[in-house]
Amino acid sequence: MMVERDLAQEQREAAARDKADGWVSVFVQWIPSMLLSVVMLGAMMFGMYYIEHGTLDITQPIVNQYITQ
């Protein structure tokens, strides 16, 4: 009786472990990394734009002498 109960418990735990080994848990783990990457990429793009144009205001004319229209 005790062995059967332990065996059933082991089988339930094994099934739970197998169920948790899908791609969803891996994808959920990568969400913070993806968000951080997107934020950093956006900051780099804004930084490059600011360095080249001197402002982040897109309505201003381009004043950098090395950038021609």
N, C-alpha and C. Protein backbone atom coordinates (compact mmCIF):
# COMPACT_ATOMS: atom_id res chain seq x y z
N MET A 1 0.83 -1.19 0.00
CA MET A 1 0.00 0.00 0.00
C MET A 1 0.87 1.26 0.00
N MET A 2 1.86 1.26 0.88
CA MET A 2 2.74 2.42 0.99
C MET A 2 3.57 2.58 -0.29
N VAL A 3 4.02 1.46 -0.83
CA VAL A 3 4.84 1.49 -2.05
C VAL A 3 4.01 2.00 -3.22
N GLU A 4 2.76 1.56 -3.31
CA GLU A 4 1.89 2.01 -4.40
C GLU A 4 1.65 3.51 -4.31
N ARG A 5 1.45 4.02 -3.09
CA ARG A 5 1.21 5.45 -2.91
C ARG A 5 2.46 6.26 -3.30
N ASP A 6 3.63 5.76 -2.89
CA ASP A 6 4.88 6.43 -3.25
C ASP A 6 5.10 6.39 -4.76
N LEU A 7 4.78 5.25 -5.37
CA LEU A 7 4.93 5.12 -6.81
C LEU A 7 3.99 6.08 -7.54
N ALA A 8 2.76 6.19 -7.07
CA ALA A 8 1.80 7.11 -7.68
C ALA A 8 2.28 8.56 -7.53
N GLN A 9 2.82 8.89 -6.37
CA GLN A 9 3.35 10.23 -6.14
C GLN A 9 4.52 10.51 -7.08
N GLU A 10 5.40 9.55 -7.24
CA GLU A 10 6.54 9.71 -8.14
C GLU A 10 6.07 9.91 -9.58
N GLN A 11 5.04 9.16 -9.97
CA GLN A 11 4.53 9.29 -11.33
C GLN A 11 3.90 10.67 -11.55
N ARG A 12 3.18 11.17 -10.54
CA ARG A 12 2.60 12.51 -10.65
C ARG A 12 3.69 13.58 -10.76
N GLU A 13 4.74 13.43 -9.96
CA GLU A 13 5.84 14.39 -10.01
C GLU A 13 6.57 14.33 -11.36
N ALA A 14 6.76 13.12 -11.87
CA ALA A 14 7.43 12.96 -13.17
C ALA A 14 6.58 13.58 -14.28
N ALA A 15 5.27 13.38 -14.22
CA ALA A 15 4.38 13.98 -15.22
C ALA A 15 4.43 15.50 -15.15
N ALA A 16 4.48 16.04 -13.94
CA ALA A 16 4.56 17.50 -13.79
C ALA A 16 5.88 18.03 -14.33
N ARG A 17 6.96 17.30 -14.09
CA ARG A 17 8.26 17.73 -14.62
C ARG A 17 8.27 17.69 -16.14
N ASP A 18 7.73 16.63 -16.72
CA ASP A 18 7.69 16.51 -18.17
C ASP A 18 6.82 17.60 -18.79
N LYS A 19 5.74 17.93 -18.12
CA LYS A 19 4.84 18.96 -18.63
C LYS A 19 5.50 20.33 -18.61
N ALA A 20 6.39 20.58 -17.66
CA ALA A 20 7.03 21.88 -17.51
C ALA A 20 8.24 22.04 -18.42
N ASP A 21 8.58 21.03 -19.19
CA ASP A 21 9.78 21.10 -20.03
C ASP A 21 9.49 21.62 -21.43
N GLY A 22 8.38 22.27 -21.65
CA GLY A 22 8.04 22.76 -22.98
C GLY A 22 8.75 24.05 -23.32
N TRP A 23 8.43 24.61 -24.49
CA TRP A 23 9.08 25.83 -24.95
C TRP A 23 8.53 27.07 -24.27
N VAL A 24 7.34 26.97 -23.66
CA VAL A 24 6.72 28.14 -23.05
C VAL A 24 7.56 28.65 -21.88
N SER A 25 8.02 27.76 -21.03
CA SER A 25 8.81 28.20 -19.88
C SER A 25 10.12 28.83 -20.33
N VAL A 26 10.71 28.32 -21.40
CA VAL A 26 11.94 28.91 -21.92
C VAL A 26 11.65 30.29 -22.49
N PHE A 27 10.55 30.43 -23.22
CA PHE A 27 10.18 31.72 -23.79
C PHE A 27 9.92 32.75 -22.71
N VAL A 28 9.24 32.35 -21.64
CA VAL A 28 8.94 33.27 -20.55
C VAL A 28 10.22 33.73 -19.87
N GLN A 29 11.21 32.87 -19.79
CA GLN A 29 12.48 33.27 -19.20
C GLN A 29 13.20 34.31 -20.04
N TRP A 30 13.00 34.30 -21.35
CA TRP A 30 13.70 35.23 -22.23
C TRP A 30 13.01 36.57 -22.38
N ILE A 31 11.77 36.71 -21.88
CA ILE A 31 11.05 37.97 -22.03
C ILE A 31 11.82 39.14 -21.42
N PRO A 32 12.34 39.06 -20.19
CA PRO A 32 13.10 40.21 -19.66
C PRO A 32 14.33 40.55 -20.51
N SER A 33 15.00 39.54 -21.03
CA SER A 33 16.17 39.80 -21.87
C SER A 33 15.77 40.49 -23.17
N MET A 34 14.66 40.08 -23.75
CA MET A 34 14.21 40.72 -24.98
C MET A 34 13.82 42.17 -24.72
N LEU A 35 13.11 42.42 -23.62
CA LEU A 35 12.72 43.79 -23.29
C LEU A 35 13.95 44.66 -23.07
N LEU A 36 14.92 44.17 -22.33
CA LEU A 36 16.14 44.92 -22.10
C LEU A 36 16.88 45.19 -23.40
N SER A 37 16.92 44.21 -24.29
CA SER A 37 17.59 44.39 -25.57
C SER A 37 16.90 45.45 -26.41
N VAL A 38 15.58 45.44 -26.42
CA VAL A 38 14.84 46.44 -27.21
C VAL A 38 15.06 47.84 -26.65
N VAL A 39 15.05 47.98 -25.33
CA VAL A 39 15.29 49.29 -24.71
C VAL A 39 16.70 49.78 -25.03
N MET A 40 17.67 48.90 -24.93
CA MET A 40 19.05 49.30 -25.21
C MET A 40 19.24 49.65 -26.69
N LEU A 41 18.62 48.89 -27.58
CA LEU A 41 18.71 49.18 -29.00
C LEU A 41 18.09 50.54 -29.31
N GLY A 42 16.93 50.82 -28.71
CA GLY A 42 16.30 52.13 -28.89
C GLY A 42 17.17 53.26 -28.37
N ALA A 43 17.78 53.06 -27.21
CA ALA A 43 18.67 54.09 -26.65
C ALA A 43 19.87 54.33 -27.56
N MET A 44 20.41 53.27 -28.14
CA MET A 44 21.54 53.44 -29.06
C MET A 44 21.12 54.19 -30.32
N MET A 45 19.94 53.89 -30.83
CA MET A 45 19.46 54.60 -32.02
C MET A 45 19.24 56.08 -31.73
N PHE A 46 18.60 56.37 -30.58
CA PHE A 46 18.41 57.77 -30.20
C PHE A 46 19.76 58.46 -30.02
N GLY A 47 20.72 57.77 -29.43
CA GLY A 47 22.04 58.34 -29.22
C GLY A 47 22.74 58.65 -30.53
N MET A 48 22.67 57.73 -31.49
CA MET A 48 23.29 57.99 -32.79
C MET A 48 22.61 59.16 -33.49
N TYR A 49 21.29 59.21 -33.41
CA TYR A 49 20.56 60.32 -34.02
C TYR A 49 20.96 61.64 -33.38
N TYR A 50 21.07 61.65 -32.05
CA TYR A 50 21.44 62.87 -31.33
C TYR A 50 22.86 63.31 -31.68
N ILE A 51 23.78 62.35 -31.77
CA ILE A 51 25.16 62.69 -32.11
C ILE A 51 25.24 63.29 -33.51
N GLU A 52 24.50 62.73 -34.45
CA GLU A 52 24.59 63.20 -35.83
C GLU A 52 23.82 64.50 -36.05
N HIS A 53 22.71 64.71 -35.37
CA HIS A 53 21.85 65.85 -35.65
C HIS A 53 21.93 66.94 -34.58
N GLY A 54 22.46 66.63 -33.42
CA GLY A 54 22.58 67.63 -32.36
C GLY A 54 21.31 67.85 -31.58
N THR A 55 20.23 67.21 -31.95
CA THR A 55 18.96 67.34 -31.24
C THR A 55 18.11 66.11 -31.54
N LEU A 56 17.13 65.87 -30.68
CA LEU A 56 16.19 64.78 -30.94
C LEU A 56 14.91 65.29 -31.59
N ASP A 57 14.82 66.59 -31.84
CA ASP A 57 13.64 67.19 -32.46
C ASP A 57 13.69 66.93 -33.96
N ILE A 58 12.78 66.10 -34.45
CA ILE A 58 12.82 65.73 -35.87
C ILE A 58 12.29 66.83 -36.78
N THR A 59 11.72 67.90 -36.21
CA THR A 59 11.21 68.99 -37.04
C THR A 59 12.29 70.00 -37.38
N GLN A 60 13.44 69.92 -36.72
CA GLN A 60 14.54 70.86 -36.98
C GLN A 60 15.27 70.45 -38.26
N PRO A 61 15.76 71.44 -39.01
CA PRO A 61 16.56 71.09 -40.19
C PRO A 61 17.90 70.48 -39.77
N ILE A 62 18.47 69.71 -40.66
CA ILE A 62 19.75 69.06 -40.38
C ILE A 62 20.85 70.11 -40.50
N VAL A 63 21.65 70.27 -39.44
CA VAL A 63 22.69 71.30 -39.43
C VAL A 63 24.09 70.71 -39.46
N ASN A 64 24.20 69.40 -39.47
CA ASN A 64 25.52 68.77 -39.52
C ASN A 64 26.10 68.98 -40.90
N GLN A 65 27.32 69.54 -40.96
CA GLN A 65 27.91 69.86 -42.26
C GLN A 65 28.28 68.62 -43.07
N TYR A 66 28.40 67.49 -42.42
CA TYR A 66 28.78 66.27 -43.12
C TYR A 66 27.58 65.51 -43.68
N ILE A 67 26.38 65.95 -43.33
CA ILE A 67 25.17 65.31 -43.84
C ILE A 67 24.56 66.24 -44.88
N THR A 68 24.47 65.76 -46.11
CA THR A 68 23.90 66.58 -47.18
C THR A 68 22.50 66.08 -47.50
N GLN A 69 21.70 66.99 -47.98
CA GLN A 69 20.32 66.64 -48.32
C GLN A 69 20.27 65.85 -49.61
